[in-house]
Structures are given as C-alpha cells and as structure tokens.
C-alpha cells in the first residue's frame, strides 16, 4: 500500500480539505490524527450558545466516526502526535511511526492567556473549541458574575451573548476601545453604548494582572489597581497558532507556520492550513480564507498548479442587539466618509489615493453591506 496523505488536526480547515478532496473525486488514502474525538461542529456557534441554551453535544453535526465513514478516511481520534520526522517522512505517535506521502498540519490555534499572578490562574477558562466548551459549560452555567479578558471579536460576541442569557458581565481590554483590530472608534463607541445598556461593564485601557480565590469566588486585580469579584474568568485575549510540531520538525515558523500560495511549508511535501498557517505575513482566522485555502490545497495535492488568492473579505459580527458587518480593510492612515443616522452607521474607508479599501455598516443599514462589498471588489479588482 502506498503511504497516505496524513492530516494532523480535525478542525474546520482539516475537514474542509477532506471534503474538498472527495468532492473533486480523489480516492487517495487519508489518515487523520486528532487530539480530540474528531466530532464535526460549526465553531462560530460557540459565540451564541448561551442565549440558545445549547450544550456541547447540541453543536455536533456529525460524530468523528460518522465523518470518517462518510468520507472514507482512517481516523485516529484522541491521539496526540508527538513528532514529525521530515527526513524519514513519518510522524510518531506513542513510539509508533506512521509514514506519509504528504503531510498537512492543521493544528489550529490556542487562546492566548496573559501571564498572570495569583493562586487561581489555573481556573481561567477558554472557549476556542468544542472540547473546551464541554469542559467549561457547567462552570459557566453556575456562574452569575463573569469577567472576560479581551474585547476583540470573540470577547465582545461572548459578552453580548452571556449578558443576553442573564449573566452579569465585565470586559477588560488593553485597547482604547473594543475590537480595535476590526473597526474604527466611532463604530466601537456606539457598540459599547449598546453593551452598557445591556448591563455589560467595559473597562478599556486596562487588563487583568492577578486572579486569586477567596472563600466564595475569584478576586481579580487589574493593571490600574481595580479589584472586583467574579464567579469565573474567561480569556478571549486573542489566538496563538499551534506551531510546536512544525518548529520541532525544522519548518519555518514566524507568527504562524509560514506557507506560500500553494500552502507549502519550507519542507517538501509538508503543508499547513487554517489558524496555524501564516499566509503573506498574516494569520487569518476567518472562514472565508480557510475555505479558499482548502480549495487551493486540494488542487495542489491533486495537480500542483493552484495558487491561493484571498480577495477582500466581509465579516459579520455576531452582536444581535447592535448588528455590524464590515468588509475590506483600513489602517490608521485611512480617511473615512461617515453617515450616522437613526438607522445606524454607513462608513467607507479610503486610502491616500482616495480608493475605497473597506466599509462598516451597522443596525438597519446592514442591507447596504453587499452593494458596498461589490463596489469594493470592483475597486480592488
């Protein structure tokens, strides 16, 4: 038997690659190794499980065994890969070697937990996977006061969902406003106003430095000296690509595993995809680039003539009481054309040549998102 394609990881990127290969008619042998049970689920759903009162099992669309049977792969569930031996063209698991013809690293990313002091640091929760939610769901259900470290996309979505489910929420974020990486201050200000009206406490330009446990709950101390109590603390302070296996194998790693436009790493016949991969200097943890990457990598594995092209993207922020959609990009040098009315915001970002590079729409103006996106594609094309 010829050596198979081996995939390490069972997240969205890995499973999209499997689906795309099979959809393209490939019957190549595939072995997939994953540290969890390999169940398929929609990761963005983790941002609104609390208002829907969903447990981890409710999110599973297909068990790992069912996925493996449907797509004719050999699944090694609850199996952690110890080493990649690129010279011998194999991976090692519990002392056993598994040879590969080609290898795809799809190990995803883990939630960044800042360096903290205190006797309860180990109690910080993360919600970046179904497995993590399964472990944390009862603790969160039993908590009334919850502190979230980080006011980026995930932290903000979680805060609104938890607040809507009846929890008392406080966000601490070191930035000047929420979601600094995604939206300008004039949109974030309106979002923060809505969150505060929903009962969420927001502390910007501050961050957690210590977590201690007293007799009843957690005592959180911030950089500015604020002290508050919470039943649980959730870190949503960003993602760190899982690059350990790649580094150990001698693969080039920067912020993520460096890949080219064919998703090739610096070592022949080894590829990376998803949240662990760095493409053109960026790690893009959104569904659209992962879908495009899966299609490109499938073509690369089958014919070696594909090249990844990531066009302007559109992101829908899951904050139901203040809905937001944005597209393209902006930077501190961008100029803005802004229309603010009782219907919400329509804002267009322009570069120094007065070309539109991005937009943000909110509330009742969401119907303008697709026309603006088409305009953006025309300009960028």
Protein backbone atom coordinates (compact mmCIF):
# COMPACT_ATOMS: atom_id res chain seq x y z
CA UNK A 1 0.00 0.00 0.00
CA UNK A 2 1.24 3.46 -0.88
CA UNK A 3 1.84 5.86 2.01
CA UNK A 4 -1.24 8.02 2.68
CA UNK A 5 -1.86 11.71 2.99
CA UNK A 6 -1.68 12.41 6.73
CA UNK A 7 -3.59 15.33 8.24
CA UNK A 8 -2.89 16.46 11.80
CA UNK A 9 -5.97 18.15 13.27
CA UNK A 10 -9.74 17.85 12.92
CA UNK A 11 -10.94 21.44 12.94
CA UNK A 12 -12.78 23.33 10.21
CA UNK A 13 -9.71 23.62 7.95
CA UNK A 14 -8.84 19.91 8.13
CA UNK A 15 -12.38 18.76 7.47
CA UNK A 16 -12.91 21.24 4.64
CA UNK A 17 -9.79 19.88 2.99
CA UNK A 18 -11.07 16.30 3.30
CA UNK A 19 -14.47 17.28 1.90
CA UNK A 20 -12.91 19.18 -0.99
CA UNK A 21 -10.61 16.32 -1.95
CA UNK A 22 -13.51 13.88 -2.01
CA UNK A 23 -15.75 16.35 -3.84
CA UNK A 24 -13.04 16.63 -6.52
CA UNK A 25 -13.20 12.87 -6.95
CA UNK A 26 -9.99 11.92 -5.17
CA UNK A 27 -9.83 8.47 -3.57
CA UNK A 28 -6.33 8.98 -2.12
CA UNK A 29 -5.84 7.23 1.23
CA UNK A 30 -6.10 9.70 4.12
CA UNK A 31 -5.16 9.21 7.74
CA UNK A 32 -6.28 11.92 10.15
CA UNK A 33 -4.84 12.29 13.65
CA UNK A 34 -6.60 14.46 16.23
CA UNK A 35 -6.16 15.05 19.95
CA UNK A 36 -9.95 15.12 20.46
CA UNK A 37 -12.71 12.79 19.31
CA UNK A 38 -12.99 14.37 15.86
CA UNK A 39 -16.63 15.46 16.04
CA UNK A 40 -17.63 17.98 13.37
CA UNK A 41 -19.24 21.22 14.51
CA UNK A 42 -19.56 24.86 13.46
CA UNK A 43 -17.04 26.75 15.58
CA UNK A 44 -18.69 30.22 15.22
CA UNK A 45 -21.72 28.78 17.03
CA UNK A 46 -19.68 28.91 20.25
CA UNK A 47 -20.31 32.66 20.31
CA UNK A 48 -24.06 32.28 20.90
CA UNK A 49 -24.54 29.02 22.79
CA UNK A 50 -25.68 30.73 25.97
CA UNK A 51 -28.79 32.50 24.71
CA UNK A 52 -29.71 29.34 22.80
CA UNK A 53 -29.09 27.27 25.92
CA UNK A 54 -27.05 24.77 23.94
CA UNK A 55 -24.70 22.23 25.45
CA UNK A 56 -21.62 20.91 23.68
CA UNK A 57 -23.47 17.87 22.36
CA UNK A 58 -26.09 20.12 20.72
CA UNK A 59 -23.40 21.64 18.48
CA UNK A 60 -22.18 18.35 16.99
CA UNK A 61 -23.34 17.99 13.39
CA UNK A 62 -21.54 14.69 12.80
CA UNK A 63 -19.52 12.45 15.09
CA UNK A 64 -15.92 11.72 14.20
CA UNK A 65 -16.74 8.10 13.39
CA UNK A 66 -19.58 9.18 11.08
CA UNK A 67 -17.35 11.73 9.33
CA UNK A 68 -14.62 9.14 8.82
CA UNK A 69 -17.07 6.62 7.37
CA UNK A 70 -18.77 9.13 5.08
CA UNK A 71 -15.52 10.49 3.66
CA UNK A 72 -13.58 7.23 3.72
CA UNK A 73 -10.69 8.29 5.91
CA UNK A 74 -8.85 6.49 8.68
CA UNK A 75 -9.47 8.49 11.87
CA UNK A 76 -7.11 8.30 14.83
CA UNK A 77 -9.20 10.07 17.46
CA UNK A 78 -7.94 11.12 20.89
CA UNK A 79 -4.43 10.59 19.54
CA UNK A 80 -1.75 13.23 20.02
CA UNK A 81 1.12 13.37 17.50
CA UNK A 82 4.45 13.54 19.30
CA UNK A 83 6.81 14.32 16.45
CA UNK A 84 7.18 14.98 12.73
CA UNK A 85 10.28 13.36 11.23
CA UNK A 86 10.59 15.10 7.88
CA UNK A 87 13.76 13.25 6.91
CA UNK A 88 12.13 9.84 7.43
CA UNK A 89 8.80 11.17 6.06
CA UNK A 90 6.76 9.96 9.02
CA UNK A 91 5.02 11.10 12.17
CA UNK A 92 5.49 9.46 15.55
CA UNK A 93 2.69 8.61 17.97
CA UNK A 94 3.36 6.83 21.25
CA UNK A 95 6.56 5.33 19.86
CA UNK A 96 4.95 4.15 16.60
CA UNK A 97 5.90 5.62 13.22
CA UNK A 98 3.30 6.36 10.55
CA UNK A 99 4.76 7.08 7.09
CA UNK A 100 3.24 9.74 4.86
CA UNK A 101 3.37 10.57 1.17
CA UNK A 102 2.42 14.15 2.02
CA UNK A 103 1.58 15.78 5.33
CA UNK A 104 -0.85 18.57 6.19
CA UNK A 105 -0.54 20.40 9.51
CA UNK A 106 -3.94 21.74 10.60
CA UNK A 107 -3.30 22.10 14.31
CA UNK A 108 -5.25 25.35 14.71
CA UNK A 109 -4.58 27.86 17.46
CA UNK A 110 -4.99 28.15 21.19
CA UNK A 111 -6.41 31.06 23.17
CA UNK A 112 -3.76 33.43 24.47
CA UNK A 113 -3.84 33.62 28.27
CA UNK A 114 -1.74 36.57 29.52
CA UNK A 115 0.91 36.00 32.17
CA UNK A 116 -0.86 36.42 35.50
CA UNK A 117 -0.08 36.15 39.19
CA UNK A 118 -2.27 34.78 41.98
CA UNK A 119 -3.37 31.41 43.29
CA UNK A 120 -6.24 30.90 40.85
CA UNK A 121 -4.53 31.40 37.47
CA UNK A 122 -5.26 27.78 36.56
CA UNK A 123 -9.00 28.48 36.79
CA UNK A 124 -9.07 30.77 33.73
CA UNK A 125 -11.44 29.32 31.12
CA UNK A 126 -11.04 29.34 27.34
CA UNK A 127 -13.72 28.68 24.71
CA UNK A 128 -11.84 28.15 21.47
CA UNK A 129 -13.05 24.61 20.77
CA UNK A 130 -15.95 22.27 21.37
CA UNK A 131 -13.76 20.32 23.78
CA UNK A 132 -13.02 23.47 25.82
CA UNK A 133 -16.69 24.42 25.92
CA UNK A 134 -17.61 20.91 27.03
CA UNK A 135 -15.18 21.26 29.94
CA UNK A 136 -16.35 24.77 30.89
CA UNK A 137 -20.10 24.73 30.24
CA UNK A 138 -21.22 23.68 33.74
CA UNK A 139 -18.89 26.17 35.41
CA UNK A 140 -20.27 28.97 33.24
CA UNK A 141 -23.87 27.85 33.77
CA UNK A 142 -23.33 28.01 37.54
CA UNK A 143 -21.74 31.49 37.38
CA UNK A 144 -23.64 34.76 37.67
CA UNK A 145 -20.76 37.26 37.52
CA UNK A 146 -18.31 36.64 34.67
CA UNK A 147 -15.21 38.61 33.72
CA UNK A 148 -13.91 38.44 30.15
CA UNK A 149 -10.28 39.23 29.41
CA UNK A 150 -10.23 40.80 25.96
CA UNK A 151 -12.65 42.90 23.97
CA UNK A 152 -11.86 41.73 20.48
CA UNK A 153 -14.32 39.99 18.16
CA UNK A 154 -14.74 36.84 20.24
CA UNK A 155 -14.73 38.59 23.61
CA UNK A 156 -17.36 41.07 22.50
CA UNK A 157 -19.60 38.42 20.95
CA UNK A 158 -19.35 36.28 24.09
CA UNK A 159 -20.11 39.26 26.32
CA UNK A 160 -23.28 40.15 24.47
CA UNK A 161 -24.45 36.53 24.37
CA UNK A 162 -23.75 35.92 28.05
CA UNK A 163 -25.43 39.19 29.03
CA UNK A 164 -28.50 38.30 26.97
CA UNK A 165 -28.67 34.99 28.83
CA UNK A 166 -28.92 36.83 32.16
CA UNK A 167 -25.29 36.92 33.31
CA UNK A 168 -23.52 39.98 34.78
CA UNK A 169 -20.54 40.64 32.52
CA UNK A 170 -17.43 42.78 32.78
CA UNK A 171 -14.90 43.19 29.94
CA UNK A 172 -11.30 44.33 30.45
CA UNK A 173 -9.35 45.22 27.32
CA UNK A 174 -5.97 46.97 26.96
CA UNK A 175 -7.05 48.78 23.79
CA UNK A 176 -8.57 52.24 23.55
CA UNK A 177 -11.90 50.70 22.52
CA UNK A 178 -13.46 47.35 21.73
CA UNK A 179 -12.39 45.47 18.59
CA UNK A 180 -9.52 47.82 17.79
CA UNK A 181 -8.22 45.44 15.11
CA UNK A 182 -11.52 45.38 13.21
CA UNK A 183 -13.36 48.67 13.49
CA UNK A 184 -12.83 52.41 13.98
CA UNK A 185 -13.56 54.15 17.26
CA UNK A 186 -16.79 55.82 16.13
CA UNK A 187 -18.38 52.41 15.49
CA UNK A 188 -16.93 50.88 18.66
CA UNK A 189 -18.33 53.76 20.72
CA UNK A 190 -21.87 53.02 19.57
CA UNK A 191 -21.34 49.30 20.19
CA UNK A 192 -20.03 49.98 23.68
CA UNK A 193 -23.05 52.18 24.41
CA UNK A 194 -25.34 49.30 23.43
CA UNK A 195 -23.40 46.80 25.53
CA UNK A 196 -23.56 49.08 28.55
CA UNK A 197 -27.30 49.42 28.11
CA UNK A 198 -27.39 45.60 28.11
CA UNK A 199 -25.70 45.68 31.51
CA UNK A 200 -22.12 44.92 30.42
CA UNK A 201 -19.37 46.80 32.27
CA UNK A 202 -16.49 47.80 29.98
CA UNK A 203 -13.03 48.83 31.15
CA UNK A 204 -10.69 49.81 28.30
CA UNK A 205 -7.00 50.70 28.60
CA UNK A 206 -6.79 48.14 31.41
CA UNK A 207 -6.08 44.44 31.77
CA UNK A 208 -6.00 41.67 34.34
CA UNK A 209 -2.75 41.12 36.25
CA UNK A 210 -3.78 38.73 39.04
CA UNK A 211 -6.51 36.25 39.92
CA UNK A 212 -6.90 34.88 43.44
CA UNK A 213 -9.51 32.70 45.08
CA UNK A 214 -11.17 33.60 48.37
CA UNK A 215 -13.73 31.55 50.26
CA UNK A 216 -16.57 32.33 47.88
CA UNK A 217 -15.25 33.31 44.44
CA UNK A 218 -12.42 34.82 42.40
CA UNK A 219 -10.83 38.18 43.13
CA UNK A 220 -9.47 39.88 40.01
CA UNK A 221 -6.87 42.65 40.12
CA UNK A 222 -6.19 44.88 37.12
CA UNK A 223 -3.16 46.86 35.95
CA UNK A 224 -4.82 50.08 37.11
CA UNK A 225 -5.46 48.63 40.55
CA UNK A 226 -9.14 47.83 40.15
CA UNK A 227 -10.30 44.86 42.24
CA UNK A 228 -13.53 43.02 41.58
CA UNK A 229 -15.05 39.64 42.29
CA UNK A 230 -16.22 37.14 39.69
CA UNK A 231 -17.57 33.62 39.67
CA UNK A 232 -15.43 32.76 36.66
CA UNK A 233 -12.93 34.39 34.28
CA UNK A 234 -12.84 33.72 30.54
CA UNK A 235 -9.82 34.61 28.41
CA UNK A 236 -10.64 35.96 24.95
CA UNK A 237 -7.34 37.78 24.55
CA UNK A 238 -6.53 36.56 21.05
CA UNK A 239 -5.21 33.39 19.44
CA UNK A 240 -1.73 31.88 19.26
CA UNK A 241 -1.11 29.46 16.36
CA UNK A 242 -0.11 25.94 17.43
CA UNK A 243 3.31 25.69 15.81
CA UNK A 244 5.16 23.37 18.19
CA UNK A 245 5.23 20.32 15.91
CA UNK A 246 6.36 22.43 12.96
CA UNK A 247 9.17 24.08 14.93
CA UNK A 248 10.39 20.72 16.20
CA UNK A 249 10.48 19.46 12.59
CA UNK A 250 12.60 22.40 11.43
CA UNK A 251 9.79 24.01 9.41
CA UNK A 252 9.98 27.80 9.05
CA UNK A 253 7.76 29.47 11.63
CA UNK A 254 7.15 33.17 12.17
CA UNK A 255 3.92 34.10 13.91
CA UNK A 256 2.37 31.01 12.30
CA UNK A 257 3.69 28.23 10.08
CA UNK A 258 4.96 30.08 7.01
CA UNK A 259 3.36 28.87 3.76
CA UNK A 260 3.40 30.05 0.16
CA UNK A 261 0.43 30.50 -2.19
CA UNK A 262 0.15 26.73 -2.58
CA UNK A 263 0.09 26.24 1.21
CA UNK A 264 3.55 24.64 1.05
CA UNK A 265 5.81 24.98 4.06
CA UNK A 266 9.60 25.29 3.89
CA UNK A 267 9.93 21.47 3.81
CA UNK A 268 8.95 19.48 0.74
CA UNK A 269 5.61 17.66 0.83
CA UNK A 270 4.55 19.29 4.11
CA UNK A 271 1.70 21.82 4.04
CA UNK A 272 -0.17 23.90 6.63
CA UNK A 273 -3.72 25.25 6.63
CA UNK A 274 -6.10 27.10 8.91
CA UNK A 275 -5.42 29.03 12.09
CA UNK A 276 -1.88 27.65 12.40
CA UNK A 277 -0.79 28.89 8.95
CA UNK A 278 0.75 32.26 8.11
CA UNK A 279 -0.06 33.46 4.60
CA UNK A 280 1.73 36.53 3.24
CA UNK A 281 2.67 37.54 6.76
CA UNK A 282 -0.85 37.16 8.15
CA UNK A 283 -2.71 34.56 10.19
CA UNK A 284 -6.34 34.81 9.05
CA UNK A 285 -8.72 33.12 11.47
CA UNK A 286 -11.86 33.59 9.39
CA UNK A 287 -13.97 31.10 7.47
CA UNK A 288 -13.55 32.64 4.00
CA UNK A 289 -9.74 32.37 3.76
CA UNK A 290 -9.88 28.85 5.22
CA UNK A 291 -12.44 27.77 2.60
CA UNK A 292 -10.29 29.26 -0.15
CA UNK A 293 -7.19 27.65 1.33
CA UNK A 294 -8.87 24.23 1.44
CA UNK A 295 -9.83 24.52 -2.23
CA UNK A 296 -6.32 25.63 -3.20
CA UNK A 297 -4.58 22.94 -1.18
CA UNK A 298 -6.85 20.22 -2.55
CA UNK A 299 -5.96 21.33 -6.07
CA UNK A 300 -2.28 21.48 -5.14
CA UNK A 301 -2.36 17.94 -3.77
CA UNK A 302 -4.11 16.70 -6.91
CA UNK A 303 -2.39 18.64 -9.67
CA UNK A 304 0.19 21.04 -8.21
CA UNK A 305 -0.99 24.01 -10.28
CA UNK A 306 -3.15 26.05 -7.90
CA UNK A 307 -2.33 29.36 -6.21
CA UNK A 308 -4.17 30.94 -3.32
CA UNK A 309 -5.71 34.36 -3.92
CA UNK A 310 -7.55 35.94 -0.99
CA UNK A 311 -9.83 38.78 -2.14
CA UNK A 312 -11.45 41.39 0.07
CA UNK A 313 -13.36 39.71 2.89
CA UNK A 314 -16.63 40.52 4.64
CA UNK A 315 -17.14 39.77 8.32
CA UNK A 316 -20.45 39.63 10.16
CA UNK A 317 -20.11 40.46 13.85
CA UNK A 318 -22.49 38.34 15.92
CA UNK A 319 -23.77 41.07 18.24
CA UNK A 320 -27.57 40.85 17.75
CA UNK A 321 -28.54 43.94 19.76
CA UNK A 322 -26.12 46.02 17.67
CA UNK A 323 -25.54 44.15 14.37
CA UNK A 324 -22.40 45.02 12.39
CA UNK A 325 -20.94 43.98 9.06
CA UNK A 326 -17.62 45.11 7.70
CA UNK A 327 -15.57 44.44 4.62
CA UNK A 328 -12.11 45.06 3.24
CA UNK A 329 -9.58 46.75 5.46
CA UNK A 330 -8.48 50.08 6.88
CA UNK A 331 -5.47 51.40 8.78
CA UNK A 332 -4.66 54.46 10.92
CA UNK A 333 -3.89 56.48 7.77
CA UNK A 334 -7.31 55.78 6.21
CA UNK A 335 -9.76 58.62 5.70
CA UNK A 336 -13.45 57.99 6.34
CA UNK A 337 -16.71 59.06 4.76
CA UNK A 338 -19.27 58.56 7.52
CA UNK A 339 -23.06 58.75 7.56
CA UNK A 340 -24.60 58.37 11.02
CA UNK A 341 -28.38 58.40 11.37
CA UNK A 342 -31.15 56.82 13.39
CA UNK A 343 -30.75 53.80 11.08
CA UNK A 344 -27.14 53.25 12.15
CA UNK A 345 -23.77 53.85 10.53
CA UNK A 346 -22.54 53.66 6.95
CA UNK A 347 -18.79 54.29 6.85
CA UNK A 348 -16.38 53.94 3.93
CA UNK A 349 -12.59 53.86 4.33
CA UNK A 350 -10.30 55.37 1.67
CA UNK A 351 -6.56 55.19 1.11
CA UNK A 352 -4.26 58.13 0.22
CA UNK A 353 -5.26 57.75 -3.45
CA UNK A 354 -8.93 58.07 -2.47
CA UNK A 355 -9.70 54.47 -3.39
CA UNK A 356 -12.21 52.70 -1.18
CA UNK A 357 -10.49 49.96 0.81
CA UNK A 358 -13.16 48.99 3.33
CA UNK A 359 -16.51 49.74 4.93
CA UNK A 360 -18.56 49.28 8.09
CA UNK A 361 -22.37 49.22 8.31
CA UNK A 362 -24.49 48.79 11.42
CA UNK A 363 -28.05 48.19 12.59
CA UNK A 364 -30.70 48.86 9.92
CA UNK A 365 -28.03 49.62 7.31
CA UNK A 366 -26.91 46.00 7.01
CA UNK A 367 -28.76 45.80 3.67
CA UNK A 368 -26.02 48.08 2.29
CA UNK A 369 -23.27 45.54 3.05
CA UNK A 370 -23.46 43.55 -0.19
CA UNK A 371 -23.71 46.57 -2.53
CA UNK A 372 -20.69 48.08 -0.76
CA UNK A 373 -18.86 44.77 -0.95
CA UNK A 374 -19.47 44.58 -4.70
CA UNK A 375 -18.20 48.15 -5.02
CA UNK A 376 -15.14 47.20 -3.02
CA UNK A 377 -14.46 44.18 -5.26
CA UNK A 378 -14.77 46.39 -8.33
CA UNK A 379 -12.26 48.88 -6.93
CA UNK A 380 -9.78 46.22 -5.76
CA UNK A 381 -10.16 44.25 -8.99
